[in-house]
Amino acid sequence: MNIISTIVGIVGLLILLVLIVFPVIGAISGWVALLIGIIGLILSAFSSKKTGRTLNIILIIIALVRLVIGGGLV
């Protein structure tokens, strides 16, 4: 499960990277990245390793900060 969680986290970080480079995409991508991070965090809860969990927590924090700065989360 840790490999799946890490892959989900990497996909979420790629979406977040596109959102940071192209801010025109808007808050919808931020919400998508946040949901992907939460799904990855849930998947990593079933693993004993911490790699996927740490990656998804970082993804969630960055997505939340981006949403707060952009006004998508009040």
PDB file of N, CA and C in Angstrom:
ATOM      1  N   MET A   1       0.809  -1.189   0.000  1.00  0.00           N
ATOM      2  CA  MET A   1       0.000   0.000   0.000  1.00  0.00           C
ATOM      3  C   MET A   1       0.857   1.258   0.000  1.00  0.00           C
ATOM      4  N   ASN A   2       2.078   1.150   0.515  1.00  0.00           N
ATOM      5  CA  ASN A   2       2.939   2.324   0.565  1.00  0.00           C
ATOM      6  C   ASN A   2       3.335   2.788  -0.832  1.00  0.00           C
ATOM      7  N   ILE A   3       3.550   1.856  -1.736  1.00  0.00           N
ATOM      8  CA  ILE A   3       3.909   2.234  -3.115  1.00  0.00           C
ATOM      9  C   ILE A   3       2.734   2.939  -3.781  1.00  0.00           C
ATOM     10  N   ILE A   4       1.534   2.434  -3.591  1.00  0.00           N
ATOM     11  CA  ILE A   4       0.344   3.067  -4.176  1.00  0.00           C
ATOM     12  C   ILE A   4       0.158   4.461  -3.591  1.00  0.00           C
ATOM     13  N   SER A   5       0.342   4.599  -2.290  1.00  0.00           N
ATOM     14  CA  SER A   5       0.201   5.894  -1.635  1.00  0.00           C
ATOM     15  C   SER A   5       1.254   6.877  -2.134  1.00  0.00           C
ATOM     16  N   THR A   6       2.470   6.414  -2.339  1.00  0.00           N
ATOM     17  CA  THR A   6       3.530   7.278  -2.850  1.00  0.00           C
ATOM     18  C   THR A   6       3.228   7.719  -4.275  1.00  0.00           C
ATOM     19  N   ILE A   7       2.732   6.814  -5.098  1.00  0.00           N
ATOM     20  CA  ILE A   7       2.377   7.165  -6.482  1.00  0.00           C
ATOM     21  C   ILE A   7       1.243   8.184  -6.492  1.00  0.00           C
ATOM     22  N   VAL A   8       0.244   7.988  -5.638  1.00  0.00           N
ATOM     23  CA  VAL A   8      -0.864   8.944  -5.545  1.00  0.00           C
ATOM     24  C   VAL A   8      -0.337  10.306  -5.088  1.00  0.00           C
ATOM     25  N   GLY A   9       0.580  10.317  -4.132  1.00  0.00           N
ATOM     26  CA  GLY A   9       1.177  11.569  -3.663  1.00  0.00           C
ATOM     27  C   GLY A   9       1.973  12.276  -4.742  1.00  0.00           C
ATOM     28  N   ILE A  10       2.713  11.534  -5.552  1.00  0.00           N
ATOM     29  CA  ILE A  10       3.483  12.128  -6.640  1.00  0.00           C
ATOM     30  C   ILE A  10       2.555  12.731  -7.686  1.00  0.00           C
ATOM     31  N   VAL A  11       1.466  12.034  -8.006  1.00  0.00           N
ATOM     32  CA  VAL A  11       0.484  12.581  -8.956  1.00  0.00           C
ATOM     33  C   VAL A  11      -0.117  13.870  -8.405  1.00  0.00           C
ATOM     34  N   GLY A  12      -0.440  13.878  -7.127  1.00  0.00           N
ATOM     35  CA  GLY A  12      -0.981  15.081  -6.501  1.00  0.00           C
ATOM     36  C   GLY A  12       0.011  16.232  -6.515  1.00  0.00           C
ATOM     37  N   LEU A  13       1.284  15.934  -6.261  1.00  0.00           N
ATOM     38  CA  LEU A  13       2.307  16.980  -6.312  1.00  0.00           C
ATOM     39  C   LEU A  13       2.495  17.516  -7.725  1.00  0.00           C
ATOM     40  N   LEU A  14       2.376  16.659  -8.724  1.00  0.00           N
ATOM     41  CA  LEU A  14       2.462  17.139 -10.110  1.00  0.00           C
ATOM     42  C   LEU A  14       1.302  18.065 -10.449  1.00  0.00           C
ATOM     43  N   ILE A  15       0.111  17.727  -9.997  1.00  0.00           N
ATOM     44  CA  ILE A  15      -1.044  18.598 -10.205  1.00  0.00           C
ATOM     45  C   ILE A  15      -0.832  19.926  -9.490  1.00  0.00           C
ATOM     46  N   LEU A  16      -0.302  19.872  -8.281  1.00  0.00           N
ATOM     47  CA  LEU A  16      -0.042  21.085  -7.523  1.00  0.00           C
ATOM     48  C   LEU A  16       1.049  21.918  -8.167  1.00  0.00           C
ATOM     49  N   LEU A  17       2.055  21.280  -8.748  1.00  0.00           N
ATOM     50  CA  LEU A  17       3.113  22.002  -9.439  1.00  0.00           C
ATOM     51  C   LEU A  17       2.557  22.730 -10.653  1.00  0.00           C
ATOM     52  N   VAL A  18       1.681  22.088 -11.406  1.00  0.00           N
ATOM     53  CA  VAL A  18       1.038  22.740 -12.546  1.00  0.00           C
ATOM     54  C   VAL A  18       0.202  23.923 -12.059  1.00  0.00           C
ATOM     55  N   LEU A  19      -0.462  23.770 -10.926  1.00  0.00           N
ATOM     56  CA  LEU A  19      -1.268  24.843 -10.363  1.00  0.00           C
ATOM     57  C   LEU A  19      -0.407  26.030  -9.950  1.00  0.00           C
ATOM     58  N   ILE A  20       0.763  25.768  -9.408  1.00  0.00           N
ATOM     59  CA  ILE A  20       1.648  26.853  -8.991  1.00  0.00           C
ATOM     60  C   ILE A  20       2.243  27.559 -10.208  1.00  0.00           C
ATOM     61  N   VAL A  21       2.590  26.818 -11.247  1.00  0.00           N
ATOM     62  CA  VAL A  21       3.179  27.421 -12.441  1.00  0.00           C
ATOM     63  C   VAL A  21       2.124  28.179 -13.243  1.00  0.00           C
ATOM     64  N   PHE A  22       0.924  27.635 -13.361  1.00  0.00           N
ATOM     65  CA  PHE A  22      -0.165  28.256 -14.118  1.00  0.00           C
ATOM     66  C   PHE A  22      -1.324  28.572 -13.176  1.00  0.00           C
ATOM     67  N   PRO A  23      -1.307  29.714 -12.510  1.00  0.00           N
ATOM     68  CA  PRO A  23      -2.352  30.008 -11.527  1.00  0.00           C
ATOM     69  C   PRO A  23      -3.719  30.272 -12.155  1.00  0.00           C
ATOM     70  N   VAL A  24      -3.797  30.367 -13.478  1.00  0.00           N
ATOM     71  CA  VAL A  24      -5.063  30.613 -14.156  1.00  0.00           C
ATOM     72  C   VAL A  24      -6.010  29.426 -13.987  1.00  0.00           C
ATOM     73  N   ILE A  25      -5.455  28.269 -13.766  1.00  0.00           N
ATOM     74  CA  ILE A  25      -6.270  27.060 -13.646  1.00  0.00           C
ATOM     75  C   ILE A  25      -7.264  27.194 -12.490  1.00  0.00           C
ATOM     76  N   GLY A  26      -6.891  27.907 -11.450  1.00  0.00           N
ATOM     77  CA  GLY A  26      -7.829  28.247 -10.391  1.00  0.00           C
ATOM     78  C   GLY A  26      -7.867  27.273  -9.241  1.00  0.00           C
ATOM     79  N   ALA A  27      -8.876  27.477  -8.418  1.00  0.00           N
ATOM     80  CA  ALA A  27      -8.981  26.730  -7.167  1.00  0.00           C
ATOM     81  C   ALA A  27      -9.425  25.292  -7.381  1.00  0.00           C
ATOM     82  N   ILE A  28     -10.016  24.981  -8.519  1.00  0.00           N
ATOM     83  CA  ILE A  28     -10.513  23.621  -8.730  1.00  0.00           C
ATOM     84  C   ILE A  28      -9.365  22.610  -8.701  1.00  0.00           C
ATOM     85  N   SER A  29      -8.220  22.994  -9.267  1.00  0.00           N
ATOM     86  CA  SER A  29      -7.066  22.087  -9.228  1.00  0.00           C
ATOM     87  C   SER A  29      -6.507  21.970  -7.817  1.00  0.00           C
ATOM     88  N   GLY A  30      -6.611  23.039  -7.056  1.00  0.00           N
ATOM     89  CA  GLY A  30      -6.177  22.977  -5.657  1.00  0.00           C
ATOM     90  C   GLY A  30      -7.015  22.010  -4.852  1.00  0.00           C
ATOM     91  N   TRP A  31      -8.320  22.034  -5.091  1.00  0.00           N
ATOM     92  CA  TRP A  31      -9.203  21.095  -4.416  1.00  0.00           C
ATOM     93  C   TRP A  31      -8.932  19.664  -4.868  1.00  0.00           C
ATOM     94  N   VAL A  32      -8.656  19.484  -6.155  1.00  0.00           N
ATOM     95  CA  VAL A  32      -8.349  18.141  -6.670  1.00  0.00           C
ATOM     96  C   VAL A  32      -7.067  17.614  -6.028  1.00  0.00           C
ATOM     97  N   ALA A  33      -6.040  18.478  -5.953  1.00  0.00           N
ATOM     98  CA  ALA A  33      -4.779  18.064  -5.329  1.00  0.00           C
ATOM     99  C   ALA A  33      -4.983  17.747  -3.851  1.00  0.00           C
ATOM    100  N   LEU A  34      -5.823  18.535  -3.178  1.00  0.00           N
ATOM    101  CA  LEU A  34      -6.108  18.283  -1.766  1.00  0.00           C
ATOM    102  C   LEU A  34      -6.822  16.944  -1.583  1.00  0.00           C
ATOM    103  N   LEU A  35      -7.798  16.659  -2.426  1.00  0.00           N
ATOM    104  CA  LEU A  35      -8.514  15.381  -2.327  1.00  0.00           C
ATOM    105  C   LEU A  35      -7.602  14.197  -2.643  1.00  0.00           C
ATOM    106  N   ILE A  36      -6.718  14.365  -3.622  1.00  0.00           N
ATOM    107  CA  ILE A  36      -5.765  13.295  -3.932  1.00  0.00           C
ATOM    108  C   ILE A  36      -4.837  13.053  -2.744  1.00  0.00           C
ATOM    109  N   GLY A  37      -4.409  14.128  -2.093  1.00  0.00           N
ATOM    110  CA  GLY A  37      -3.567  13.985  -0.902  1.00  0.00           C
ATOM    111  C   GLY A  37      -4.279  13.271   0.230  1.00  0.00           C
ATOM    112  N   ILE A  38      -5.551  13.566   0.415  1.00  0.00           N
ATOM    113  CA  ILE A  38      -6.321  12.899   1.471  1.00  0.00           C
ATOM    114  C   ILE A  38      -6.503  11.422   1.150  1.00  0.00           C
ATOM    115  N   ILE A  39      -6.783  11.114  -0.112  1.00  0.00           N
ATOM    116  CA  ILE A  39      -6.908   9.707  -0.514  1.00  0.00           C
ATOM    117  C   ILE A  39      -5.584   8.978  -0.309  1.00  0.00           C
ATOM    118  N   GLY A  40      -4.478   9.615  -0.683  1.00  0.00           N
ATOM    119  CA  GLY A  40      -3.163   9.004  -0.464  1.00  0.00           C
ATOM    120  C   GLY A  40      -2.855   8.815   1.012  1.00  0.00           C
ATOM    121  N   LEU A  41      -3.283   9.773   1.845  1.00  0.00           N
ATOM    122  CA  LEU A  41      -3.075   9.643   3.288  1.00  0.00           C
ATOM    123  C   LEU A  41      -3.878   8.478   3.861  1.00  0.00           C
ATOM    124  N   ILE A  42      -5.079   8.306   3.367  1.00  0.00           N
ATOM    125  CA  ILE A  42      -5.896   7.170   3.809  1.00  0.00           C
ATOM    126  C   ILE A  42      -5.244   5.855   3.385  1.00  0.00           C
ATOM    127  N   LEU A  43      -4.734   5.810   2.155  1.00  0.00           N
ATOM    128  CA  LEU A  43      -4.064   4.586   1.691  1.00  0.00           C
ATOM    129  C   LEU A  43      -2.802   4.308   2.495  1.00  0.00           C
ATOM    130  N   SER A  44      -2.078   5.362   2.881  1.00  0.00           N
ATOM    131  CA  SER A  44      -0.834   5.153   3.620  1.00  0.00           C
ATOM    132  C   SER A  44      -1.084   4.742   5.065  1.00  0.00           C
ATOM    133  N   ALA A  45      -2.302   4.911   5.549  1.00  0.00           N
ATOM    134  CA  ALA A  45      -2.612   4.494   6.913  1.00  0.00           C
ATOM    135  C   ALA A  45      -2.547   2.972   7.059  1.00  0.00           C
ATOM    136  N   PHE A  46      -2.661   2.255   5.941  1.00  0.00           N
ATOM    137  CA  PHE A  46      -2.620   0.794   5.984  1.00  0.00           C
ATOM    138  C   PHE A  46      -1.209   0.242   5.860  1.00  0.00           C
ATOM    139  N   SER A  47      -0.214   1.127   5.751  1.00  0.00           N
ATOM    140  CA  SER A  47       1.165   0.692   5.580  1.00  0.00           C
ATOM    141  C   SER A  47       1.964   0.970   6.851  1.00  0.00           C
ATOM    142  N   SER A  48       3.004   0.189   7.054  1.00  0.00           N
ATOM    143  CA  SER A  48       3.849   0.410   8.222  1.00  0.00           C
ATOM    144  C   SER A  48       4.971   1.410   7.929  1.00  0.00           C
ATOM    145  N   LYS A  49       5.240   1.670   6.659  1.00  0.00           N
ATOM    146  CA  LYS A  49       6.284   2.625   6.293  1.00  0.00           C
ATOM    147  C   LYS A  49       5.713   4.038   6.280  1.00  0.00           C
ATOM    148  N   LYS A  50       6.598   5.024   6.433  1.00  0.00           N
ATOM    149  CA  LYS A  50       6.141   6.407   6.581  1.00  0.00           C
ATOM    150  C   LYS A  50       6.376   7.263   5.344  1.00  0.00           C
ATOM    151  N   THR A  51       6.928   6.720   4.282  1.00  0.00           N
ATOM    152  CA  THR A  51       7.258   7.524   3.109  1.00  0.00           C
ATOM    153  C   THR A  51       6.021   8.125   2.461  1.00  0.00           C
ATOM    154  N   GLY A  52       5.044   7.309   2.147  1.00  0.00           N
ATOM    155  CA  GLY A  52       3.825   7.787   1.514  1.00  0.00           C
ATOM    156  C   GLY A  52       3.038   8.719   2.412  1.00  0.00           C
ATOM    157  N   ARG A  53       3.032   8.409   3.698  1.00  0.00           N
ATOM    158  CA  ARG A  53       2.312   9.257   4.656  1.00  0.00           C
ATOM    159  C   ARG A  53       2.922  10.645   4.717  1.00  0.00           C
ATOM    160  N   THR A  54       4.237  10.728   4.790  1.00  0.00           N
ATOM    161  CA  THR A  54       4.920  12.017   4.843  1.00  0.00           C
ATOM    162  C   THR A  54       4.705  12.804   3.563  1.00  0.00           C
ATOM    163  N   LEU A  55       4.810  12.148   2.432  1.00  0.00           N
ATOM    164  CA  LEU A  55       4.615  12.811   1.144  1.00  0.00           C
ATOM    165  C   LEU A  55       3.204  13.388   1.033  1.00  0.00           C
ATOM    166  N   ASN A  56       2.217  12.638   1.441  1.00  0.00           N
ATOM    167  CA  ASN A  56       0.831  13.101   1.341  1.00  0.00           C
ATOM    168  C   ASN A  56       0.514  14.193   2.356  1.00  0.00           C
ATOM    169  N   ILE A  57       1.128  14.158   3.523  1.00  0.00           N
ATOM    170  CA  ILE A  57       0.938  15.240   4.489  1.00  0.00           C
ATOM    171  C   ILE A  57       1.531  16.536   3.945  1.00  0.00           C
ATOM    172  N   ILE A  58       2.709  16.459   3.329  1.00  0.00           N
ATOM    173  CA  ILE A  58       3.309  17.641   2.709  1.00  0.00           C
ATOM    174  C   ILE A  58       2.415  18.163   1.590  1.00  0.00           C
ATOM    175  N   LEU A  59       1.879  17.263   0.785  1.00  0.00           N
ATOM    176  CA  LEU A  59       0.969  17.643  -0.295  1.00  0.00           C
ATOM    177  C   LEU A  59      -0.269  18.352   0.255  1.00  0.00           C
ATOM    178  N   ILE A  60      -0.850  17.834   1.308  1.00  0.00           N
ATOM    179  CA  ILE A  60      -2.042  18.442   1.894  1.00  0.00           C
ATOM    180  C   ILE A  60      -1.732  19.827   2.445  1.00  0.00           C
ATOM    181  N   ILE A  61      -0.600  19.975   3.122  1.00  0.00           N
ATOM    182  CA  ILE A  61      -0.230  21.276   3.688  1.00  0.00           C
ATOM    183  C   ILE A  61      -0.012  22.301   2.580  1.00  0.00           C
ATOM    184  N   ILE A  62       0.718  21.932   1.528  1.00  0.00           N
ATOM    185  CA  ILE A  62       0.969  22.866   0.426  1.00  0.00           C
ATOM    186  C   ILE A  62      -0.334  23.230  -0.282  1.00  0.00           C
ATOM    187  N   ALA A  63      -1.204  22.250  -0.496  1.00  0.00           N
ATOM    188  CA  ALA A  63      -2.482  22.526  -1.160  1.00  0.00           C
ATOM    189  C   ALA A  63      -3.351  23.449  -0.308  1.00  0.00           C
ATOM    190  N   LEU A  64      -3.366  23.237   1.000  1.00  0.00           N
ATOM    191  CA  LEU A  64      -4.148  24.108   1.872  1.00  0.00           C
ATOM    192  C   LEU A  64      -3.604  25.537   1.873  1.00  0.00           C
ATOM    193  N   VAL A  65      -2.283  25.674   1.932  1.00  0.00           N
ATOM    194  CA  VAL A  65      -1.678  27.008   1.898  1.00  0.00           C
ATOM    195  C   VAL A  65      -1.999  27.687   0.577  1.00  0.00           C
ATOM    196  N   ARG A  66      -1.918  26.959  -0.523  1.00  0.00           N
ATOM    197  CA  ARG A  66      -2.219  27.526  -1.845  1.00  0.00           C
ATOM    198  C   ARG A  66      -3.687  27.940  -1.934  1.00  0.00           C
ATOM    199  N   LEU A  67      -4.579  27.151  -1.367  1.00  0.00           N
ATOM    200  CA  LEU A  67      -5.993  27.509  -1.381  1.00  0.00           C
ATOM    201  C   LEU A  67      -6.274  28.735  -0.518  1.00  0.00           C
ATOM    202  N   VAL A  68      -5.616  28.836   0.631  1.00  0.00           N
ATOM    203  CA  VAL A  68      -5.813  30.000   1.486  1.00  0.00           C
ATOM    204  C   VAL A  68      -5.287  31.261   0.825  1.00  0.00           C
ATOM    205  N   ILE A  69      -4.119  31.185   0.213  1.00  0.00           N
ATOM    206  CA  ILE A  69      -3.544  32.349  -0.470  1.00  0.00           C
ATOM    207  C   ILE A  69      -4.406  32.764  -1.662  1.00  0.00           C
ATOM    208  N   GLY A  70      -4.894  31.794  -2.417  1.00  0.00           N
ATOM    209  CA  GLY A  70      -5.677  32.095  -3.593  1.00  0.00           C
ATOM    210  C   GLY A  70      -7.129  32.448  -3.328  1.00  0.00           C
ATOM    211  N   GLY A  71      -7.577  32.325  -2.087  1.00  0.00           N
ATOM    212  CA  GLY A  71      -8.946  32.665  -1.759  1.00  0.00           C
ATOM    213  C   GLY A  71      -9.929  31.538  -1.998  1.00  0.00           C
ATOM    214  N   GLY A  72      -9.453  30.348  -2.305  1.00  0.00           N
ATOM    215  CA  GLY A  72     -10.347  29.219  -2.535  1.00  0.00           C
ATOM    216  C   GLY A  72     -10.822  28.583  -1.257  1.00  0.00           C
ATOM    217  N   LEU A  73     -10.203  28.947  -0.144  1.00  0.00           N
ATOM    218  CA  LEU A  73     -10.566  28.425   1.173  1.00  0.00           C
ATOM    219  C   LEU A  73     -10.618  29.612   2.122  1.00  0.00           C
ATOM    220  N   VAL A  74     -11.796  29.897   2.619  1.00  0.00           N
ATOM    221  CA  VAL A  74     -11.947  31.093   3.458  1.00  0.00           C
ATOM    222  C   VAL A  74     -11.955  30.695   4.908  1.00  0.00           C
TER     223      VAL A  74
END
